[in-house]
Amino acid sequence: MLVISRQLSQTIMIGDDIKLTVVRIGQQHVRIGIDAPKHMPIQRQEIYDAIKAASSDCTTEGNE
């Protein structure tokens, strides 16, 4: 894992198409803005995991 320090309003580029910007810094959280192509799915980890689990449940039900 690459760890990068950024301050408010500073940006991180991922490739040529994805830009992460520090929008707000609170006491216990950081708010990040993501600018990416519309075709690129972006999910929080817990949502991504729930989608994958639901998808896995659907495929295993068909195999019973």
PDB file of N, CA and C in Angstrom:
ATOM      1  N   MET A   1       0.842  -1.176   0.000  1.00  0.00           N
ATOM      2  CA  MET A   1       0.000   0.000   0.000  1.00  0.00           C
ATOM      3  C   MET A   1       0.887   1.239   0.000  1.00  0.00           C
ATOM      4  N   LEU A   2       0.576   2.145  -0.891  1.00  0.00           N
ATOM      5  CA  LEU A   2       1.264   3.428  -0.940  1.00  0.00           C
ATOM      6  C   LEU A   2       0.527   4.407  -0.033  1.00  0.00           C
ATOM      7  N   VAL A   3       1.232   5.074   0.861  1.00  0.00           N
ATOM      8  CA  VAL A   3       0.632   6.065   1.762  1.00  0.00           C
ATOM      9  C   VAL A   3       1.192   7.429   1.389  1.00  0.00           C
ATOM     10  N   ILE A   4       0.290   8.370   1.107  1.00  0.00           N
ATOM     11  CA  ILE A   4       0.690   9.709   0.676  1.00  0.00           C
ATOM     12  C   ILE A   4       0.043  10.732   1.603  1.00  0.00           C
ATOM     13  N   SER A   5       0.807  11.690   2.062  1.00  0.00           N
ATOM     14  CA  SER A   5       0.263  12.782   2.879  1.00  0.00           C
ATOM     15  C   SER A   5      -0.175  13.921   1.968  1.00  0.00           C
ATOM     16  N   ARG A   6      -1.335  14.477   2.246  1.00  0.00           N
ATOM     17  CA  ARG A   6      -1.859  15.612   1.491  1.00  0.00           C
ATOM     18  C   ARG A   6      -2.513  16.574   2.462  1.00  0.00           C
ATOM     19  N   GLN A   7      -2.535  17.833   2.111  1.00  0.00           N
ATOM     20  CA  GLN A   7      -3.220  18.847   2.900  1.00  0.00           C
ATOM     21  C   GLN A   7      -4.507  19.250   2.190  1.00  0.00           C
ATOM     22  N   LEU A   8      -5.301  20.048   2.850  1.00  0.00           N
ATOM     23  CA  LEU A   8      -6.572  20.508   2.313  1.00  0.00           C
ATOM     24  C   LEU A   8      -6.388  21.096   0.911  1.00  0.00           C
ATOM     25  N   SER A   9      -7.242  20.684  -0.014  1.00  0.00           N
ATOM     26  CA  SER A   9      -7.265  21.126  -1.419  1.00  0.00           C
ATOM     27  C   SER A   9      -6.152  20.529  -2.272  1.00  0.00           C
ATOM     28  N   GLN A  10      -5.285  19.712  -1.704  1.00  0.00           N
ATOM     29  CA  GLN A  10      -4.251  19.081  -2.512  1.00  0.00           C
ATOM     30  C   GLN A  10      -4.802  17.828  -3.181  1.00  0.00           C
ATOM     31  N   THR A  11      -4.181  17.435  -4.282  1.00  0.00           N
ATOM     32  CA  THR A  11      -4.707  16.393  -5.154  1.00  0.00           C
ATOM     33  C   THR A  11      -3.714  15.255  -5.332  1.00  0.00           C
ATOM     34  N   ILE A  12      -4.269  14.072  -5.581  1.00  0.00           N
ATOM     35  CA  ILE A  12      -3.497  12.887  -5.960  1.00  0.00           C
ATOM     36  C   ILE A  12      -4.047  12.429  -7.302  1.00  0.00           C
ATOM     37  N   MET A  13      -3.173  12.180  -8.261  1.00  0.00           N
ATOM     38  CA  MET A  13      -3.587  11.667  -9.568  1.00  0.00           C
ATOM     39  C   MET A  13      -3.337  10.161  -9.621  1.00  0.00           C
ATOM     40  N   ILE A  14      -4.321   9.416 -10.152  1.00  0.00           N
ATOM     41  CA  ILE A  14      -4.164   7.990 -10.414  1.00  0.00           C
ATOM     42  C   ILE A  14      -4.282   7.833 -11.922  1.00  0.00           C
ATOM     43  N   GLY A  15      -3.185   7.545 -12.547  1.00  0.00           N
ATOM     44  CA  GLY A  15      -3.168   7.529 -14.010  1.00  0.00           C
ATOM     45  C   GLY A  15      -3.468   8.925 -14.542  1.00  0.00           C
ATOM     46  N   ASP A  16      -4.041   8.977 -15.745  1.00  0.00           N
ATOM     47  CA  ASP A  16      -4.375  10.260 -16.356  1.00  0.00           C
ATOM     48  C   ASP A  16      -5.818  10.664 -16.111  1.00  0.00           C
ATOM     49  N   ASP A  17      -6.647   9.718 -15.616  1.00  0.00           N
ATOM     50  CA  ASP A  17      -8.087   9.949 -15.588  1.00  0.00           C
ATOM     51  C   ASP A  17      -8.715  10.106 -14.212  1.00  0.00           C
ATOM     52  N   ILE A  18      -8.017   9.757 -13.142  1.00  0.00           N
ATOM     53  CA  ILE A  18      -8.630   9.776 -11.816  1.00  0.00           C
ATOM     54  C   ILE A  18      -7.890  10.779 -10.932  1.00  0.00           C
ATOM     55  N   LYS A  19      -8.665  11.693 -10.349  1.00  0.00           N
ATOM     56  CA  LYS A  19      -8.101  12.729  -9.495  1.00  0.00           C
ATOM     57  C   LYS A  19      -8.801  12.675  -8.133  1.00  0.00           C
ATOM     58  N   LEU A  20      -8.033  12.537  -7.058  1.00  0.00           N
ATOM     59  CA  LEU A  20      -8.543  12.544  -5.696  1.00  0.00           C
ATOM     60  C   LEU A  20      -8.131  13.855  -5.048  1.00  0.00           C
ATOM     61  N   THR A  21      -9.089  14.578  -4.479  1.00  0.00           N
ATOM     62  CA  THR A  21      -8.802  15.864  -3.858  1.00  0.00           C
ATOM     63  C   THR A  21      -9.276  15.849  -2.414  1.00  0.00           C
ATOM     64  N   VAL A  22      -8.436  16.317  -1.498  1.00  0.00           N
ATOM     65  CA  VAL A  22      -8.833  16.457  -0.097  1.00  0.00           C
ATOM     66  C   VAL A  22      -9.744  17.679   0.001  1.00  0.00           C
ATOM     67  N   VAL A  23     -11.014  17.422   0.325  1.00  0.00           N
ATOM     68  CA  VAL A  23     -12.026  18.485   0.344  1.00  0.00           C
ATOM     69  C   VAL A  23     -12.198  19.062   1.747  1.00  0.00           C
ATOM     70  N   ARG A  24     -12.156  18.197   2.748  1.00  0.00           N
ATOM     71  CA  ARG A  24     -12.351  18.657   4.130  1.00  0.00           C
ATOM     72  C   ARG A  24     -11.615  17.718   5.069  1.00  0.00           C
ATOM     73  N   ILE A  25     -11.054  18.291   6.129  1.00  0.00           N
ATOM     74  CA  ILE A  25     -10.375  17.502   7.142  1.00  0.00           C
ATOM     75  C   ILE A  25     -11.059  17.789   8.469  1.00  0.00           C
ATOM     76  N   GLY A  26     -11.643  16.740   9.078  1.00  0.00           N
ATOM     77  CA  GLY A  26     -12.295  16.873  10.377  1.00  0.00           C
ATOM     78  C   GLY A  26     -11.431  16.244  11.453  1.00  0.00           C
ATOM     79  N   GLN A  27     -11.977  16.193  12.659  1.00  0.00           N
ATOM     80  CA  GLN A  27     -11.208  15.614  13.766  1.00  0.00           C
ATOM     81  C   GLN A  27     -11.039  14.102  13.608  1.00  0.00           C
ATOM     82  N   GLN A  28     -12.067  13.430  13.082  1.00  0.00           N
ATOM     83  CA  GLN A  28     -11.979  11.976  12.986  1.00  0.00           C
ATOM     84  C   GLN A  28     -12.171  11.447  11.575  1.00  0.00           C
ATOM     85  N   HIS A  29     -12.253  12.326  10.598  1.00  0.00           N
ATOM     86  CA  HIS A  29     -12.452  11.850   9.232  1.00  0.00           C
ATOM     87  C   HIS A  29     -11.902  12.847   8.217  1.00  0.00           C
ATOM     88  N   VAL A  30     -11.709  12.342   7.025  1.00  0.00           N
ATOM     89  CA  VAL A  30     -11.249  13.160   5.907  1.00  0.00           C
ATOM     90  C   VAL A  30     -12.275  13.001   4.793  1.00  0.00           C
ATOM     91  N   ARG A  31     -12.682  14.086   4.167  1.00  0.00           N
ATOM     92  CA  ARG A  31     -13.612  14.025   3.043  1.00  0.00           C
ATOM     93  C   ARG A  31     -12.790  14.183   1.765  1.00  0.00           C
ATOM     94  N   ILE A  32     -12.990  13.236   0.838  1.00  0.00           N
ATOM     95  CA  ILE A  32     -12.214  13.200  -0.397  1.00  0.00           C
ATOM     96  C   ILE A  32     -13.158  13.326  -1.584  1.00  0.00           C
ATOM     97  N   GLY A  33     -12.823  14.193  -2.513  1.00  0.00           N
ATOM     98  CA  GLY A  33     -13.565  14.313  -3.764  1.00  0.00           C
ATOM     99  C   GLY A  33     -12.878  13.464  -4.825  1.00  0.00           C
ATOM    100  N   ILE A  34     -13.694  12.765  -5.620  1.00  0.00           N
ATOM    101  CA  ILE A  34     -13.149  11.885  -6.654  1.00  0.00           C
ATOM    102  C   ILE A  34     -13.654  12.350  -8.011  1.00  0.00           C
ATOM    103  N   ASP A  35     -12.750  12.630  -8.910  1.00  0.00           N
ATOM    104  CA  ASP A  35     -13.090  12.990 -10.282  1.00  0.00           C
ATOM    105  C   ASP A  35     -12.569  11.870 -11.172  1.00  0.00           C
ATOM    106  N   ALA A  36     -13.515  11.095 -11.743  1.00  0.00           N
ATOM    107  CA  ALA A  36     -13.148   9.933 -12.557  1.00  0.00           C
ATOM    108  C   ALA A  36     -14.128   9.809 -13.713  1.00  0.00           C
ATOM    109  N   PRO A  37     -13.769   9.064 -14.754  1.00  0.00           N
ATOM    110  CA  PRO A  37     -14.699   8.853 -15.859  1.00  0.00           C
ATOM    111  C   PRO A  37     -15.995   8.202 -15.367  1.00  0.00           C
ATOM    112  N   LYS A  38     -17.105   8.548 -16.004  1.00  0.00           N
ATOM    113  CA  LYS A  38     -18.416   8.042 -15.590  1.00  0.00           C
ATOM    114  C   LYS A  38     -18.523   6.528 -15.683  1.00  0.00           C
ATOM    115  N   HIS A  39     -17.791   5.911 -16.600  1.00  0.00           N
ATOM    116  CA  HIS A  39     -17.868   4.458 -16.741  1.00  0.00           C
ATOM    117  C   HIS A  39     -17.125   3.709 -15.626  1.00  0.00           C
ATOM    118  N   MET A  40     -16.373   4.423 -14.809  1.00  0.00           N
ATOM    119  CA  MET A  40     -15.590   3.811 -13.736  1.00  0.00           C
ATOM    120  C   MET A  40     -16.437   3.715 -12.467  1.00  0.00           C
ATOM    121  N   PRO A  41     -16.757   2.485 -12.009  1.00  0.00           N
ATOM    122  CA  PRO A  41     -17.544   2.366 -10.779  1.00  0.00           C
ATOM    123  C   PRO A  41     -16.697   2.756  -9.563  1.00  0.00           C
ATOM    124  N   ILE A  42     -17.282   3.541  -8.665  1.00  0.00           N
ATOM    125  CA  ILE A  42     -16.598   3.967  -7.445  1.00  0.00           C
ATOM    126  C   ILE A  42     -17.536   3.662  -6.280  1.00  0.00           C
ATOM    127  N   GLN A  43     -17.086   2.863  -5.337  1.00  0.00           N
ATOM    128  CA  GLN A  43     -17.883   2.462  -4.180  1.00  0.00           C
ATOM    129  C   GLN A  43     -17.033   2.545  -2.919  1.00  0.00           C
ATOM    130  N   ARG A  44     -17.692   2.830  -1.785  1.00  0.00           N
ATOM    131  CA  ARG A  44     -17.018   2.654  -0.499  1.00  0.00           C
ATOM    132  C   ARG A  44     -16.805   1.149  -0.300  1.00  0.00           C
ATOM    133  N   GLN A  45     -15.787   0.782   0.461  1.00  0.00           N
ATOM    134  CA  GLN A  45     -15.438  -0.626   0.640  1.00  0.00           C
ATOM    135  C   GLN A  45     -16.608  -1.453   1.158  1.00  0.00           C
ATOM    136  N   GLU A  46     -17.355  -0.944   2.149  1.00  0.00           N
ATOM    137  CA  GLU A  46     -18.451  -1.730   2.722  1.00  0.00           C
ATOM    138  C   GLU A  46     -19.583  -1.947   1.712  1.00  0.00           C
ATOM    139  N   ILE A  47     -19.819  -0.987   0.836  1.00  0.00           N
ATOM    140  CA  ILE A  47     -20.825  -1.143  -0.218  1.00  0.00           C
ATOM    141  C   ILE A  47     -20.330  -2.145  -1.258  1.00  0.00           C
ATOM    142  N   TYR A  48     -19.085  -2.025  -1.642  1.00  0.00           N
ATOM    143  CA  TYR A  48     -18.474  -2.954  -2.598  1.00  0.00           C
ATOM    144  C   TYR A  48     -18.567  -4.396  -2.083  1.00  0.00           C
ATOM    145  N   ASP A  49     -18.231  -4.588  -0.792  1.00  0.00           N
ATOM    146  CA  ASP A  49     -18.296  -5.923  -0.198  1.00  0.00           C
ATOM    147  C   ASP A  49     -19.728  -6.461  -0.195  1.00  0.00           C
ATOM    148  N   ALA A  50     -20.702  -5.607   0.111  1.00  0.00           N
ATOM    149  CA  ALA A  50     -22.106  -6.032   0.136  1.00  0.00           C
ATOM    150  C   ALA A  50     -22.575  -6.430  -1.264  1.00  0.00           C
ATOM    151  N   ILE A  51     -22.172  -5.683  -2.274  1.00  0.00           N
ATOM    152  CA  ILE A  51     -22.540  -6.003  -3.658  1.00  0.00           C
ATOM    153  C   ILE A  51     -21.925  -7.337  -4.057  1.00  0.00           C
ATOM    154  N   LYS A  52     -20.660  -7.537  -3.735  1.00  0.00           N
ATOM    155  CA  LYS A  52     -19.984  -8.792  -4.064  1.00  0.00           C
ATOM    156  C   LYS A  52     -20.636  -9.971  -3.342  1.00  0.00           C
ATOM    157  N   ALA A  53     -20.992  -9.787  -2.067  1.00  0.00           N
ATOM    158  CA  ALA A  53     -21.627 -10.863  -1.302  1.00  0.00           C
ATOM    159  C   ALA A  53     -22.994 -11.196  -1.894  1.00  0.00           C
ATOM    160  N   ALA A  54     -23.766 -10.180  -2.261  1.00  0.00           N
ATOM    161  CA  ALA A  54     -25.078 -10.412  -2.858  1.00  0.00           C
ATOM    162  C   ALA A  54     -24.931 -11.109  -4.205  1.00  0.00           C
ATOM    163  N   SER A  55     -23.947 -10.711  -4.970  1.00  0.00           N
ATOM    164  CA  SER A  55     -23.691 -11.327  -6.269  1.00  0.00           C
ATOM    165  C   SER A  55     -23.280 -12.785  -6.087  1.00  0.00           C
ATOM    166  N   SER A  56     -22.465 -13.057  -5.092  1.00  0.00           N
ATOM    167  CA  SER A  56     -22.026 -14.413  -4.807  1.00  0.00           C
ATOM    168  C   SER A  56     -23.204 -15.276  -4.350  1.00  0.00           C
ATOM    169  N   ASP A  57     -24.094 -14.706  -3.544  1.00  0.00           N
ATOM    170  CA  ASP A  57     -25.284 -15.434  -3.094  1.00  0.00           C
ATOM    171  C   ASP A  57     -26.166 -15.811  -4.271  1.00  0.00           C
ATOM    172  N   CYS A  58     -26.312 -14.912  -5.219  1.00  0.00           N
ATOM    173  CA  CYS A  58     -27.148 -15.178  -6.397  1.00  0.00           C
ATOM    174  C   CYS A  58     -26.567 -16.301  -7.241  1.00  0.00           C
ATOM    175  N   THR A  59     -25.263 -16.343  -7.400  1.00  0.00           N
ATOM    176  CA  THR A  59     -24.656 -17.372  -8.240  1.00  0.00           C
ATOM    177  C   THR A  59     -24.644 -18.727  -7.552  1.00  0.00           C
ATOM    178  N   THR A  60     -24.515 -18.747  -6.216  1.00  0.00           N
ATOM    179  CA  THR A  60     -24.510 -20.034  -5.522  1.00  0.00           C
ATOM    180  C   THR A  60     -25.928 -20.613  -5.430  1.00  0.00           C
ATOM    181  N   GLU A  61     -26.960 -19.774  -5.403  1.00  0.00           N
ATOM    182  CA  GLU A  61     -28.320 -20.270  -5.360  1.00  0.00           C
ATOM    183  C   GLU A  61     -28.670 -21.043  -6.626  1.00  0.00           C
ATOM    184  N   GLY A  62     -28.141 -20.619  -7.746  1.00  0.00           N
ATOM    185  CA  GLY A  62     -28.416 -21.292  -9.004  1.00  0.00           C
ATOM    186  C   GLY A  62     -27.724 -22.637  -9.139  1.00  0.00           C
ATOM    187  N   ASN A  63     -26.718 -22.886  -8.288  1.00  0.00           N
ATOM    188  CA  ASN A  63     -25.949 -24.128  -8.374  1.00  0.00           C
ATOM    189  C   ASN A  63     -26.435 -25.206  -7.426  1.00  0.00           C
ATOM    190  N   GLU A  64     -27.484 -24.936  -6.661  1.00  0.00           N
ATOM    191  CA  GLU A  64     -27.949 -25.930  -5.680  1.00  0.00           C
ATOM    192  C   GLU A  64     -28.849 -26.959  -6.299  1.00  0.00           C
TER     193      GLU A  64
END
